[in-house]
Amino acid sequence: MSRDDGFPVMDVSTSIVNDPKVRKLYRHAPDHAGTGFIAYVGTLSESWKAGRRITVDDAWPACVSFDKAAVEALIHVGLLDRTGRIPVKSWRGWFEAARARREKSRERWRRYNEKRDADTTEVPRGSDVDTATSVPPSRPFLPPGSTGASVNARVRAPEDSLEKEMERRRAELEQASEDFRNGKLDEVSYQRRRKTLLAI
């Protein structure tokens, strides 16, 4: 299964413990609600990781013993459907929405890369030997006692530093892009990082 099928991080509401169905679970089966809630979160996690709805039996967490009564309670209150999976409506509202956002982000990133590649392959105006004005090369002034080699070394040093800095920024930008695609960076942090690295 490819990485693109699911997510390494899932979207979960901060109000999940106060969800009406969770409250109903604790009222309906208080003796099995704790185990049931852990199993429900485990089923959510495995489903988001796989990119499809996994059954509670297949996703059952190893940290708790299997409890059939807890599964029945989850189905009874509507946290799982009759097949032991996350209900379709809930799945579409959370996972499908996140996948749509990811696809939009990838499309924006693809367009950005295409534009960047196009910009770097364009020939600068006036650089063509057929159209550029021919100017004889000038001989730099050499202070007394200076050699051409020493002057050239001083000229190349800033250029080498600039190239190293640009290479470092390109590497960090690629890493930030990879972290964003993998969900390690949110969009705000990624855009802030990208703006910093592209600043001249």
Protein backbone atom coordinates (compact mmCIF):
# COMPACT_ATOMS: atom_id res chain seq x y z
CA MET A 1 0.00 0.00 0.00
CA SER A 2 1.47 3.34 -1.02
CA ARG A 3 2.03 6.25 1.32
CA ASP A 4 -0.44 8.32 -0.71
CA ASP A 5 -3.38 6.08 0.23
CA GLY A 6 -3.55 7.32 3.81
CA PHE A 7 -2.15 9.81 6.29
CA PRO A 8 0.50 9.54 9.01
CA VAL A 9 -1.58 12.00 11.07
CA MET A 10 -5.38 12.07 11.32
CA ASP A 11 -7.81 14.91 11.96
CA VAL A 12 -9.60 14.49 15.28
CA SER A 13 -11.93 16.99 16.91
CA THR A 14 -10.82 18.34 20.28
CA SER A 15 -14.40 17.70 21.43
CA ILE A 16 -14.32 13.97 20.70
CA VAL A 17 -14.64 13.01 24.38
CA ASN A 18 -17.81 15.11 24.59
CA ASP A 19 -19.30 13.85 21.35
CA PRO A 20 -22.98 12.95 21.86
CA LYS A 21 -22.37 9.39 20.68
CA VAL A 22 -19.45 8.98 23.08
CA ARG A 23 -21.60 10.26 25.94
CA LYS A 24 -24.32 7.82 24.90
CA LEU A 25 -21.75 5.01 24.87
CA TYR A 26 -20.90 5.63 28.53
CA ARG A 27 -24.57 5.74 29.47
CA HIS A 28 -25.49 2.66 27.45
CA ALA A 29 -22.59 0.39 28.46
CA PRO A 30 -20.55 1.96 31.28
CA ASP A 31 -18.69 -1.28 32.00
CA HIS A 32 -17.45 -1.54 28.40
CA ALA A 33 -17.29 2.12 27.39
CA GLY A 34 -13.59 2.62 28.24
CA THR A 35 -12.50 -0.34 26.16
CA GLY A 36 -14.96 0.64 23.45
CA PHE A 37 -13.62 4.18 23.22
CA ILE A 38 -10.02 2.94 22.88
CA ALA A 39 -11.14 0.51 20.18
CA TYR A 40 -13.00 3.30 18.36
CA VAL A 41 -9.93 5.58 18.32
CA GLY A 42 -7.82 2.63 17.19
CA THR A 43 -10.22 1.95 14.34
CA LEU A 44 -10.08 5.61 13.33
CA SER A 45 -6.28 5.56 13.36
CA GLU A 46 -5.92 2.40 11.31
CA SER A 47 -8.49 3.62 8.80
CA TRP A 48 -6.74 6.97 8.30
CA LYS A 49 -3.39 5.22 7.93
CA ALA A 50 -4.75 2.79 5.34
CA GLY A 51 -6.85 5.36 3.47
CA ARG A 52 -9.96 3.19 3.75
CA ARG A 53 -12.43 2.09 6.42
CA ILE A 54 -10.93 -0.77 8.44
CA THR A 55 -13.11 -3.05 10.56
CA VAL A 56 -12.82 -2.83 14.32
CA ASP A 57 -11.80 -6.50 14.43
CA ASP A 58 -8.79 -5.85 12.17
CA ALA A 59 -7.93 -2.58 13.89
CA TRP A 60 -8.35 -3.76 17.47
CA PRO A 61 -5.58 -2.22 19.63
CA ALA A 62 -3.06 -4.63 21.12
CA CYS A 63 -3.11 -2.75 24.44
CA VAL A 64 -6.60 -4.01 25.41
CA SER A 65 -8.24 -7.41 25.36
CA PHE A 66 -10.90 -7.95 22.71
CA ASP A 67 -14.38 -7.20 24.06
CA LYS A 68 -17.32 -8.23 21.93
CA ALA A 69 -19.74 -6.37 24.19
CA ALA A 70 -17.76 -3.17 23.60
CA VAL A 71 -18.03 -3.65 19.83
CA GLU A 72 -21.78 -4.19 20.11
CA ALA A 73 -22.06 -1.03 22.19
CA LEU A 74 -20.13 1.00 19.61
CA ILE A 75 -22.47 -0.22 16.90
CA HIS A 76 -25.54 0.43 19.06
CA VAL A 77 -24.69 4.11 19.65
CA GLY A 78 -23.68 4.70 16.03
CA LEU A 79 -19.92 5.18 16.42
CA LEU A 80 -19.48 2.17 14.12
CA ASP A 81 -21.79 0.84 11.44
CA ARG A 82 -23.14 -2.72 11.31
CA THR A 83 -19.98 -3.95 9.59
CA GLY A 84 -17.80 -2.61 12.42
CA ARG A 85 -16.43 0.27 10.34
CA ILE A 86 -16.49 4.05 10.69
CA PRO A 87 -19.86 5.22 9.28
CA VAL A 88 -19.69 6.43 5.66
CA LYS A 89 -21.08 9.89 6.45
CA SER A 90 -18.50 10.53 9.15
CA TRP A 91 -15.72 9.13 6.97
CA ARG A 92 -16.58 11.40 4.06
CA GLY A 93 -16.90 14.43 6.30
CA TRP A 94 -13.44 14.01 7.80
CA PHE A 95 -11.13 11.80 5.73
CA GLU A 96 -12.39 12.68 2.25
CA ALA A 97 -12.25 16.38 3.13
CA ALA A 98 -8.63 16.01 4.28
CA ARG A 99 -7.71 14.09 1.14
CA ALA A 100 -9.27 16.82 -1.03
CA ARG A 101 -7.19 19.45 0.79
CA ARG A 102 -4.06 17.38 0.25
CA GLU A 103 -4.75 17.06 -3.47
CA LYS A 104 -5.30 20.82 -3.79
CA SER A 105 -2.04 21.44 -1.96
CA ARG A 106 -0.18 19.02 -4.20
CA GLU A 107 -1.65 20.70 -7.29
CA ARG A 108 -0.49 24.11 -6.07
CA TRP A 109 2.95 22.66 -5.39
CA ARG A 110 3.05 21.08 -8.86
CA ARG A 111 2.18 24.39 -10.52
CA TYR A 112 4.82 26.15 -8.43
CA ASN A 113 7.50 23.65 -9.48
CA GLU A 114 6.51 23.95 -13.13
CA LYS A 115 6.73 27.72 -12.94
CA ARG A 116 10.06 27.57 -11.12
CA ASP A 117 11.48 25.17 -13.71
CA ALA A 118 10.21 27.37 -16.54
CA ASP A 119 11.78 30.45 -14.97
CA THR A 120 15.17 28.78 -14.57
CA THR A 121 15.24 27.50 -18.18
CA GLU A 122 14.40 30.84 -19.83
CA VAL A 123 17.33 32.46 -21.66
CA PRO A 124 18.03 35.95 -20.26
CA ARG A 125 17.27 38.77 -22.68
CA GLY A 126 20.33 39.88 -24.60
CA SER A 127 22.35 36.79 -23.73
CA ASP A 128 22.17 35.32 -27.26
CA VAL A 129 25.47 35.81 -29.06
CA ASP A 130 23.58 36.81 -32.23
CA THR A 131 21.75 39.68 -30.54
CA ALA A 132 24.01 40.70 -27.67
CA THR A 133 26.21 43.74 -28.25
CA SER A 134 29.83 42.78 -28.56
CA VAL A 135 31.91 44.52 -25.94
CA PRO A 136 35.63 43.90 -25.72
CA PRO A 137 36.62 42.47 -22.35
CA SER A 138 38.18 44.99 -20.02
CA ARG A 139 41.40 44.30 -18.20
CA PRO A 140 40.95 44.79 -14.43
CA PHE A 141 43.26 47.22 -12.66
CA LEU A 142 45.83 45.36 -10.59
CA PRO A 143 47.33 47.18 -7.63
CA PRO A 144 51.13 47.21 -7.52
CA GLY A 145 52.44 43.88 -6.30
CA SER A 146 49.11 42.04 -7.00
CA THR A 147 48.85 39.11 -9.36
CA GLY A 148 45.95 38.09 -11.53
CA ALA A 149 45.58 34.84 -9.60
CA SER A 150 45.21 36.58 -6.23
CA VAL A 151 42.61 39.00 -7.60
CA ASN A 152 40.63 36.22 -9.26
CA ALA A 153 40.63 34.25 -6.01
CA ARG A 154 39.16 37.22 -4.16
CA VAL A 155 36.52 37.66 -6.86
CA ARG A 156 35.54 34.00 -6.83
CA ALA A 157 35.27 33.76 -3.05
CA PRO A 158 31.98 35.76 -2.76
CA GLU A 159 30.58 33.90 -5.76
CA ASP A 160 31.39 30.53 -4.20
CA SER A 161 29.77 31.59 -0.92
CA LEU A 162 26.64 32.69 -2.76
CA GLU A 163 26.42 29.38 -4.64
CA LYS A 164 26.80 27.43 -1.39
CA GLU A 165 24.09 29.53 0.25
CA MET A 166 21.70 29.00 -2.68
CA GLU A 167 22.40 25.26 -2.62
CA ARG A 168 21.68 25.16 1.12
CA ARG A 169 18.41 27.00 0.63
CA ARG A 170 17.34 24.69 -2.19
CA ALA A 171 18.01 21.66 0.02
CA GLU A 172 16.04 23.14 2.94
CA LEU A 173 13.17 24.10 0.62
CA GLU A 174 12.99 20.54 -0.73
CA GLN A 175 13.00 19.16 2.83
CA ALA A 176 10.24 21.57 3.88
CA SER A 177 8.20 20.52 0.84
CA GLU A 178 8.64 16.86 1.72
CA ASP A 179 7.63 17.51 5.34
CA PHE A 180 4.54 19.40 4.15
CA ARG A 181 3.49 16.60 1.78
CA ASN A 182 3.94 14.06 4.60
CA GLY A 183 1.89 16.09 7.05
CA LYS A 184 4.82 17.04 9.30
CA LEU A 185 4.27 20.74 8.57
CA ASP A 186 0.94 22.52 8.41
CA GLU A 187 0.28 24.93 5.55
CA VAL A 188 0.93 28.09 7.60
CA SER A 189 4.31 26.83 8.86
CA TYR A 190 5.24 25.61 5.40
CA GLN A 191 4.40 28.93 3.70
CA ARG A 192 6.32 30.85 6.38
CA ARG A 193 9.35 28.58 5.93
CA ARG A 194 9.16 28.82 2.14
CA LYS A 195 8.94 32.62 2.24
CA THR A 196 12.05 32.77 4.43
CA LEU A 197 14.05 30.46 2.19
CA LEU A 198 13.05 32.26 -1.02
CA ALA A 199 13.83 35.70 0.39
CA ILE A 200 16.93 37.28 -1.12
